[in-house]
Amino acid sequence: MSDEKDATRIVSAGRRPEWTQGIVNPPVWRASTILYDLVAELRARGAGDTHHKLFYGRRGTPTQWSLAEALNELEPGAEGTLLYPSGVAAVTTALLAVLEPGDELLLVDSAYDPTRNFANGLLKRMGITTRYYDPLIGAGIAELCSERTRAIFLESPGSLTFEVQDIPAIVAVAKQRGITTMIDNTWATPLLLPTIALGVDYSILACTKYIVGHSDVMLGSVTAGPGQYGRLRSMTYQLGQHTSPDDAWLGARGLRTMAVRLRQHGAAALQIARWLETRPEVARVLHPALPGCPGHALFVRDFKGASGLFSFVLNGGDEAARAALIDGLAHFGIGFSWGGYESLALPIDPQRHRSATRWEAEGPVVRLQIGLEDPDDLIADLAAGLDRFAAARG
């Protein structure tokens, strides 16, 4: 798909006439009880497939269906998409749909910390073993697969250290062994990396980030590849996972402008990342579009572009010096999450979240979410921050 086709699809997807009823945006259909004219009608509806049919509020209304269908249309070859009340809910439901007691999960060592916590927490208590692997392992993951391996979880790039994984190589190994693959694709979204087309079985998004785009909604989604939707939907219904129509409507609102926002986020972030490379206070910049980032060649091969999240390693210094940099920033908020219109700066410590690999750095690490402000203003802000860091470092 070309960028133009993607941009068009993101505007038109999910807007069926029967859902919009002549209105540009599908209305907010709020419902718990759905009324029937006859008992026979109630019985018939419950006995059949309720997909895209009003049955009970937890099964959704056109407001939720519209967003789910739009997200599904962004992934060529996908079978279906379901919504969740958060990105973590999407991750955990996808894992529970695939894994059973006695199974083994291979989880990338650069994974989002709540994903690690779930693997080390509930999955462990259920008797499911997790083995962590080097994000740069590629086809070498075959050596880690055992008869008990049922799923491989990817995140590319990692949301702290931004290593890019060889998705096609890992998928090829998994398919040879009948292992399910799933990926946290929040950083790129399907616009920059259509993972179902690469053969991944489940593509997971924390829609809280770029889909919503305004830092005001918790939302997640899982898109299933061919033959994978049934068990995902079954587990979703068993767990009672549900997204409110108001949150789905806000997600759909954000989705319509995501292509435009991603271009701005990506261009500004790359400009700032290249500027940071010139600063003596910075030892390394971890941005997958830069040649020095691990897996850069894979990024060039597989991705259509970059988004607005990256990290940089300071040249020496300690926690106090890093705090001096961040605390005085005027245009960067200090907070978790990313993908909104505002810029954020976050102190991160990747070494605390590693099991299979060792993270070593020249100094403390800062993660930046580049928002929609003018990049020149953000550069001036960071320049002053680096001056404060240098003074505090001594």
Protein backbone atom coordinates (compact mmCIF):
# COMPACT_ATOMS: atom_id res chain seq x y z
CA MET A 1 0.00 0.00 0.00
CA SER A 2 1.21 3.52 -0.75
CA ASP A 3 1.06 6.30 1.80
CA GLU A 4 -1.72 7.92 -0.21
CA LYS A 5 -3.85 4.79 -0.03
CA ASP A 6 -3.21 4.49 3.69
CA ALA A 7 -4.18 8.12 4.26
CA THR A 8 -7.40 7.63 2.32
CA ARG A 9 -8.26 4.38 4.08
CA ILE A 10 -7.75 5.89 7.52
CA VAL A 11 -10.40 8.51 6.73
CA SER A 12 -13.00 6.21 5.19
CA ALA A 13 -12.57 2.92 7.07
CA GLY A 14 -15.34 1.78 9.39
CA ARG A 15 -17.86 4.39 8.25
CA ARG A 16 -20.61 2.11 7.01
CA PRO A 17 -23.80 3.97 6.06
CA GLU A 18 -25.89 1.83 8.43
CA TRP A 19 -23.62 2.94 11.29
CA THR A 20 -23.21 6.62 10.41
CA GLN A 21 -26.80 7.13 9.15
CA GLY A 22 -25.68 10.11 7.10
CA ILE A 23 -23.53 11.66 9.83
CA VAL A 24 -19.79 12.04 9.16
CA ASN A 25 -18.79 10.39 12.44
CA PRO A 26 -20.61 7.32 13.78
CA PRO A 27 -22.71 8.44 16.76
CA VAL A 28 -22.07 7.30 20.31
CA TRP A 29 -24.37 4.33 20.82
CA ARG A 30 -24.51 3.77 24.58
CA ALA A 31 -26.24 0.55 25.60
CA SER A 32 -26.38 -2.23 28.13
CA THR A 33 -29.83 -3.75 27.46
CA ILE A 34 -30.92 -4.38 23.88
CA LEU A 35 -34.70 -4.75 23.50
CA TYR A 36 -36.42 -7.35 21.31
CA ASP A 37 -39.97 -7.36 20.01
CA LEU A 38 -40.46 -11.11 20.45
CA VAL A 39 -39.06 -13.92 22.57
CA ALA A 40 -38.34 -15.83 19.36
CA GLU A 41 -36.25 -12.93 18.12
CA LEU A 42 -34.24 -12.89 21.37
CA ARG A 43 -33.67 -16.66 21.15
CA ALA A 44 -32.62 -16.52 17.51
CA ARG A 45 -30.18 -13.67 18.04
CA GLY A 46 -28.51 -15.41 20.98
CA ALA A 47 -28.20 -18.69 19.11
CA GLY A 48 -26.44 -17.15 16.11
CA ASP A 49 -23.30 -15.13 15.47
CA THR A 50 -23.66 -11.76 17.20
CA HIS A 51 -20.78 -10.16 15.27
CA HIS A 52 -21.92 -6.68 14.19
CA LYS A 53 -25.42 -7.42 15.48
CA LEU A 54 -27.00 -5.78 18.50
CA PHE A 55 -27.36 -8.45 21.21
CA TYR A 56 -26.14 -7.12 24.56
CA GLY A 57 -24.11 -4.00 25.35
CA ARG A 58 -20.97 -5.93 26.22
CA ARG A 59 -20.89 -7.31 22.66
CA GLY A 60 -20.68 -3.77 21.32
CA THR A 61 -22.63 -1.25 19.30
CA PRO A 62 -21.86 0.43 15.97
CA THR A 63 -19.60 2.88 17.82
CA GLN A 64 -17.16 0.14 18.85
CA TRP A 65 -17.61 -1.87 15.66
CA SER A 66 -16.73 1.13 13.52
CA LEU A 67 -13.35 1.69 15.18
CA ALA A 68 -12.53 -2.02 15.25
CA GLU A 69 -13.34 -2.36 11.56
CA ALA A 70 -11.28 0.72 10.70
CA LEU A 71 -8.25 -0.69 12.53
CA ASN A 72 -8.77 -4.02 10.82
CA GLU A 73 -8.75 -2.41 7.39
CA LEU A 74 -5.30 -0.97 8.11
CA GLU A 75 -3.87 -4.52 8.34
CA PRO A 76 -4.01 -6.27 4.95
CA GLY A 77 -5.01 -9.90 5.36
CA ALA A 78 -6.42 -9.52 8.88
CA GLU A 79 -9.41 -11.62 9.94
CA GLY A 80 -10.79 -9.37 12.68
CA THR A 81 -10.03 -6.79 15.38
CA LEU A 82 -11.29 -6.44 18.94
CA LEU A 83 -11.07 -3.47 21.32
CA TYR A 84 -9.92 -3.45 24.94
CA PRO A 85 -9.99 -0.94 27.81
CA SER A 86 -6.19 -0.50 27.70
CA GLY A 87 -3.10 -1.64 25.87
CA VAL A 88 -2.21 -3.92 28.77
CA ALA A 89 -5.66 -5.52 28.59
CA ALA A 90 -5.04 -6.17 24.89
CA VAL A 91 -1.65 -7.78 25.58
CA THR A 92 -2.90 -9.98 28.40
CA THR A 93 -6.02 -11.16 26.59
CA ALA A 94 -4.03 -12.12 23.50
CA LEU A 95 -1.59 -14.13 25.62
CA LEU A 96 -4.38 -15.87 27.52
CA ALA A 97 -6.10 -16.76 24.24
CA VAL A 98 -3.04 -18.72 23.16
CA LEU A 99 -1.34 -20.09 26.29
CA GLU A 100 -2.33 -22.90 28.67
CA PRO A 101 -0.72 -24.34 31.82
CA GLY A 102 2.48 -26.16 30.92
CA ASP A 103 3.17 -24.01 27.86
CA GLU A 104 6.23 -21.86 27.26
CA LEU A 105 6.33 -18.25 26.07
CA LEU A 106 9.34 -16.68 24.38
CA LEU A 107 9.27 -12.97 25.25
CA VAL A 108 11.61 -10.35 23.80
CA ASP A 109 13.93 -8.91 26.45
CA SER A 110 13.12 -5.33 25.38
CA ALA A 111 9.38 -5.74 26.00
CA TYR A 112 7.14 -3.15 27.65
CA ASP A 113 7.46 -3.57 31.42
CA PRO A 114 3.75 -4.40 32.10
CA THR A 115 4.07 -7.25 29.58
CA ARG A 116 7.03 -8.60 31.56
CA ASN A 117 5.10 -8.19 34.80
CA PHE A 118 2.20 -10.24 33.44
CA ALA A 119 4.55 -12.98 32.26
CA ASN A 120 6.36 -13.06 35.60
CA GLY A 121 3.11 -12.77 37.55
CA LEU A 122 -0.16 -14.36 36.46
CA LEU A 123 1.31 -16.52 33.68
CA LYS A 124 3.87 -17.93 36.10
CA ARG A 125 1.14 -18.70 38.66
CA MET A 126 -0.79 -20.49 35.92
CA GLY A 127 2.18 -22.77 35.27
CA ILE A 128 3.28 -21.04 32.07
CA THR A 129 7.04 -20.61 31.69
CA THR A 130 8.53 -17.47 30.14
CA ARG A 131 11.97 -17.41 28.53
CA TYR A 132 13.41 -14.07 27.49
CA TYR A 133 15.38 -13.66 24.30
CA ASP A 134 17.76 -11.13 22.78
CA PRO A 135 15.81 -8.72 20.54
CA LEU A 136 18.51 -9.12 17.86
CA ILE A 137 18.34 -12.94 17.81
CA GLY A 138 16.56 -13.19 14.44
CA ALA A 139 16.42 -16.72 13.02
CA GLY A 140 18.55 -17.85 15.96
CA ILE A 141 15.36 -18.03 17.98
CA ALA A 142 14.99 -21.55 16.58
CA GLU A 143 17.56 -22.69 19.14
CA LEU A 144 15.30 -21.51 21.99
CA CYS A 145 12.12 -23.18 20.75
CA SER A 146 11.10 -26.35 22.55
CA GLU A 147 8.19 -28.75 22.33
CA ARG A 148 6.42 -26.63 24.95
CA THR A 149 6.86 -23.31 23.12
CA ARG A 150 3.43 -22.08 22.09
CA ALA A 151 3.96 -18.35 21.51
CA ILE A 152 6.66 -15.85 20.60
CA PHE A 153 6.03 -12.25 21.63
CA LEU A 154 7.79 -9.45 19.73
CA GLU A 155 8.06 -5.70 20.23
CA SER A 156 9.86 -3.87 17.45
CA PRO A 157 11.39 -1.48 18.14
CA GLY A 158 11.56 -1.88 21.92
CA SER A 159 9.94 1.09 23.62
CA LEU A 160 12.95 1.91 25.83
CA THR A 161 16.07 0.91 23.90
CA PHE A 162 14.63 0.69 20.37
CA GLU A 163 16.27 -2.44 18.99
CA VAL A 164 14.59 -3.53 15.75
CA GLN A 165 13.74 -7.21 15.42
CA ASP A 166 13.95 -9.40 12.32
CA ILE A 167 10.23 -10.07 12.18
CA PRO A 168 10.15 -12.16 8.96
CA ALA A 169 12.94 -14.44 10.22
CA ILE A 170 11.22 -15.04 13.57
CA VAL A 171 7.84 -15.58 11.90
CA ALA A 172 9.37 -18.13 9.52
CA VAL A 173 10.77 -20.14 12.44
CA ALA A 174 7.45 -19.97 14.26
CA LYS A 175 5.42 -21.13 11.27
CA GLN A 176 7.72 -24.12 10.74
CA ARG A 177 7.00 -25.22 14.31
CA GLY A 178 3.34 -24.25 14.61
CA ILE A 179 4.10 -21.51 17.16
CA THR A 180 1.83 -18.45 17.43
CA THR A 181 3.45 -15.05 17.00
CA MET A 182 2.24 -11.76 18.42
CA ILE A 183 3.72 -8.28 18.35
CA ASP A 184 3.28 -5.06 20.27
CA ASN A 185 3.15 -2.70 17.28
CA THR A 186 2.28 0.47 19.20
CA TRP A 187 5.41 2.42 18.17
CA ALA A 188 4.87 2.04 14.43
CA THR A 189 1.13 1.38 14.12
CA PRO A 190 -0.05 -0.46 10.99
CA LEU A 191 0.63 2.69 8.95
CA LEU A 192 4.38 2.31 9.35
CA LEU A 193 4.55 -1.48 9.84
CA PRO A 194 1.65 -3.68 8.64
CA THR A 195 2.59 -6.75 10.67
CA ILE A 196 -0.22 -9.10 9.65
CA ALA A 197 1.11 -8.86 6.09
CA LEU A 198 4.50 -9.98 7.48
CA GLY A 199 2.87 -13.15 8.78
CA VAL A 200 2.41 -12.23 12.45
CA ASP A 201 -0.66 -13.88 13.99
CA TYR A 202 -1.70 -11.10 16.40
CA SER A 203 -0.91 -7.40 16.13
CA ILE A 204 -1.43 -5.52 19.40
CA LEU A 205 -1.79 -1.76 19.85
CA ALA A 206 -1.96 0.45 22.89
CA CYS A 207 -4.42 2.72 21.13
CA THR A 208 -3.95 5.08 24.08
CA LYS A 209 -0.93 6.32 22.15
CA TYR A 210 -1.05 7.28 18.47
CA ILE A 211 -4.57 6.09 17.67
CA VAL A 212 -6.16 8.38 20.27
CA GLY A 213 -3.45 11.03 19.92
CA HIS A 214 -4.76 13.40 22.60
CA SER A 215 -3.66 11.81 25.91
CA ASP A 216 -7.23 11.52 27.17
CA VAL A 217 -8.33 7.89 26.67
CA MET A 218 -7.15 4.43 27.73
CA LEU A 219 -7.73 2.03 24.82
CA GLY A 220 -6.23 -1.09 23.24
CA SER A 221 -6.78 -3.40 20.28
CA VAL A 222 -5.76 -6.80 18.96
CA THR A 223 -5.92 -7.58 15.26
CA ALA A 224 -5.94 -11.28 14.37
CA GLY A 225 -4.45 -12.84 11.29
CA PRO A 226 -6.14 -15.58 9.24
CA GLY A 227 -7.54 -18.38 11.39
CA GLN A 228 -6.72 -16.63 14.67
CA TYR A 229 -9.81 -14.54 15.39
CA GLY A 230 -12.06 -17.22 16.89
CA ARG A 231 -10.02 -18.07 19.95
CA LEU A 232 -9.24 -14.39 20.57
CA ARG A 233 -12.94 -13.49 20.53
CA SER A 234 -13.79 -16.45 22.78
CA MET A 235 -11.24 -15.43 25.41
CA THR A 236 -12.30 -11.78 25.15
CA TYR A 237 -15.93 -12.67 25.86
CA GLN A 238 -14.99 -15.05 28.70
CA LEU A 239 -12.98 -12.32 30.41
CA GLY A 240 -15.77 -9.78 29.95
CA GLN A 241 -13.44 -7.36 28.17
CA HIS A 242 -15.32 -4.31 26.97
CA THR A 243 -14.55 -0.79 25.79
CA SER A 244 -17.01 2.00 26.44
CA PRO A 245 -18.60 3.59 23.36
CA ASP A 246 -17.42 7.01 24.49
CA ASP A 247 -13.80 5.84 24.55
CA ALA A 248 -14.21 4.11 21.20
CA TRP A 249 -15.65 7.30 19.72
CA LEU A 250 -12.66 9.30 20.96
CA GLY A 251 -10.35 6.66 19.52
CA ALA A 252 -12.07 6.94 16.14
CA ARG A 253 -11.78 10.72 16.29
CA GLY A 254 -8.03 10.44 16.79
CA LEU A 255 -7.59 7.75 14.15
CA ARG A 256 -8.82 10.00 11.34
CA THR A 257 -5.85 12.37 11.76
CA MET A 258 -3.21 9.80 12.69
CA ALA A 259 -1.51 9.69 9.28
CA VAL A 260 -0.94 13.44 9.35
CA ARG A 261 0.17 13.45 12.98
CA LEU A 262 2.59 10.56 12.50
CA ARG A 263 4.34 12.37 9.67
CA GLN A 264 4.85 15.41 11.90
CA HIS A 265 5.89 13.35 14.94
CA GLY A 266 8.35 11.37 12.83
CA ALA A 267 9.93 14.28 11.00
CA ALA A 268 10.38 16.39 14.13
CA ALA A 269 11.75 13.46 16.16
CA LEU A 270 14.33 12.63 13.51
CA GLN A 271 15.42 16.27 13.28
CA ILE A 272 15.88 16.42 17.05
CA ALA A 273 17.61 13.03 17.20
CA ARG A 274 20.16 14.13 14.61
CA TRP A 275 20.76 17.36 16.52
CA LEU A 276 21.30 15.42 19.76
CA GLU A 277 23.98 13.35 18.00
CA THR A 278 26.03 16.54 17.62
CA ARG A 279 26.00 17.39 21.33
CA PRO A 280 29.04 16.45 23.46
CA GLU A 281 26.78 15.79 26.45
CA VAL A 282 25.14 12.92 24.54
CA ALA A 283 26.92 9.59 24.20
CA ARG A 284 24.37 7.82 21.99
CA VAL A 285 20.98 8.39 20.40
CA LEU A 286 18.68 5.36 20.23
CA HIS A 287 16.47 6.01 17.23
CA PRO A 288 15.88 3.17 14.74
CA ALA A 289 16.13 5.49 11.73
CA LEU A 290 19.73 6.36 12.68
CA PRO A 291 22.49 4.05 11.39
CA GLY A 292 23.94 3.52 14.86
CA CYS A 293 20.78 2.04 16.34
CA PRO A 294 20.76 -1.79 16.69
CA GLY A 295 18.73 -3.31 13.87
CA HIS A 296 18.81 -0.18 11.69
CA ALA A 297 19.17 -2.23 8.48
CA LEU A 298 16.01 -4.15 9.41
CA PHE A 299 14.22 -0.86 10.02
CA VAL A 300 15.13 0.34 6.53
CA ARG A 301 13.96 -2.95 5.05
CA ASP A 302 10.63 -3.37 6.85
CA PHE A 303 9.31 0.01 8.04
CA LYS A 304 7.64 2.76 6.03
CA GLY A 305 8.83 5.48 8.40
CA ALA A 306 9.46 6.43 12.01
CA SER A 307 7.25 7.74 14.77
CA GLY A 308 8.06 10.24 17.51
CA LEU A 309 9.50 8.17 20.38
CA PHE A 310 13.22 7.60 20.99
CA SER A 311 15.87 7.70 23.72
CA PHE A 312 19.32 9.13 24.23
CA VAL A 313 22.17 8.16 26.54
CA LEU A 314 23.92 10.92 28.43
CA ASN A 315 27.69 11.12 28.51
CA GLY A 316 28.40 10.42 32.16
CA GLY A 317 26.56 12.07 35.02
CA ASP A 318 24.24 10.69 37.65
CA GLU A 319 20.58 10.79 38.64
CA ALA A 320 20.84 14.34 39.95
CA ALA A 321 22.39 15.59 36.71
CA ARG A 322 19.69 13.85 34.65
CA ALA A 323 17.00 15.38 36.86
CA ALA A 324 18.54 18.82 36.35
CA LEU A 325 18.12 18.36 32.60
CA ILE A 326 14.52 17.15 32.77
CA ASP A 327 13.12 19.24 35.63
CA GLY A 328 13.80 22.57 33.95
CA LEU A 329 12.35 21.76 30.53
CA ALA A 330 9.63 24.20 29.48
CA HIS A 331 8.05 22.33 26.54
CA PHE A 332 8.40 18.73 27.76
CA GLY A 333 6.07 17.31 30.37
CA ILE A 334 7.28 14.62 32.78
CA GLY A 335 4.96 11.65 32.60
CA PHE A 336 4.29 8.15 31.33
CA SER A 337 2.74 7.17 28.00
CA TRP A 338 3.34 8.89 24.67
CA GLY A 339 1.70 9.46 21.29
CA GLY A 340 -0.20 12.60 22.28
CA TYR A 341 0.23 16.04 20.80
CA GLU A 342 2.46 17.19 23.69
CA SER A 343 6.15 16.40 24.15
CA LEU A 344 7.35 14.35 27.13
CA ALA A 345 10.70 13.59 28.75
CA LEU A 346 11.08 10.55 30.98
CA PRO A 347 14.04 9.18 32.94
CA ILE A 348 14.40 5.48 32.14
CA ASP A 349 16.65 2.74 33.50
CA PRO A 350 16.67 -0.13 30.97
CA GLN A 351 19.05 -2.24 33.04
CA ARG A 352 16.21 -2.88 35.48
CA HIS A 353 14.15 -4.59 32.79
CA ARG A 354 16.55 -7.15 31.33
CA SER A 355 16.87 -10.90 31.79
CA ALA A 356 18.48 -12.39 28.68
CA THR A 357 20.73 -9.49 27.78
CA ARG A 358 22.82 -6.98 29.70
CA TRP A 359 22.21 -3.26 29.25
CA GLU A 360 25.26 -1.06 29.73
CA ALA A 361 25.45 2.65 29.01
CA GLU A 362 27.84 5.57 29.32
CA GLY A 363 25.42 7.43 31.57
CA PRO A 364 21.75 7.88 32.45
CA VAL A 365 19.09 7.53 29.75
CA VAL A 366 16.27 9.89 28.80
CA ARG A 367 13.30 8.92 26.63
CA LEU A 368 11.66 11.62 24.55
CA GLN A 369 8.18 11.72 23.09
CA ILE A 370 8.25 14.41 20.42
CA GLY A 371 4.87 16.07 20.10
CA LEU A 372 3.49 18.56 17.60
CA GLU A 373 5.33 21.66 18.83
CA ASP A 374 7.80 23.42 16.54
CA PRO A 375 11.01 21.33 16.62
CA ASP A 376 13.17 24.46 16.83
CA ASP A 377 11.50 25.38 20.12
CA LEU A 378 12.04 21.84 21.41
CA ILE A 379 15.71 21.93 20.39
CA ALA A 380 16.24 25.23 22.20
CA ASP A 381 14.59 23.75 25.29
CA LEU A 382 16.79 20.65 25.16
CA ALA A 383 19.91 22.75 24.59
CA ALA A 384 19.26 24.63 27.80
CA GLY A 385 18.59 21.32 29.54
CA LEU A 386 21.88 19.85 28.35
CA ASP A 387 23.65 22.95 29.64
CA ARG A 388 22.05 22.34 33.05
CA PHE A 389 23.14 18.69 32.86
CA ALA A 390 26.73 19.66 32.06
CA ALA A 391 26.83 22.11 34.96
CA ALA A 392 25.38 19.55 37.38
CA ARG A 393 27.72 16.83 36.12
CA GLY A 394 30.70 19.07 36.78
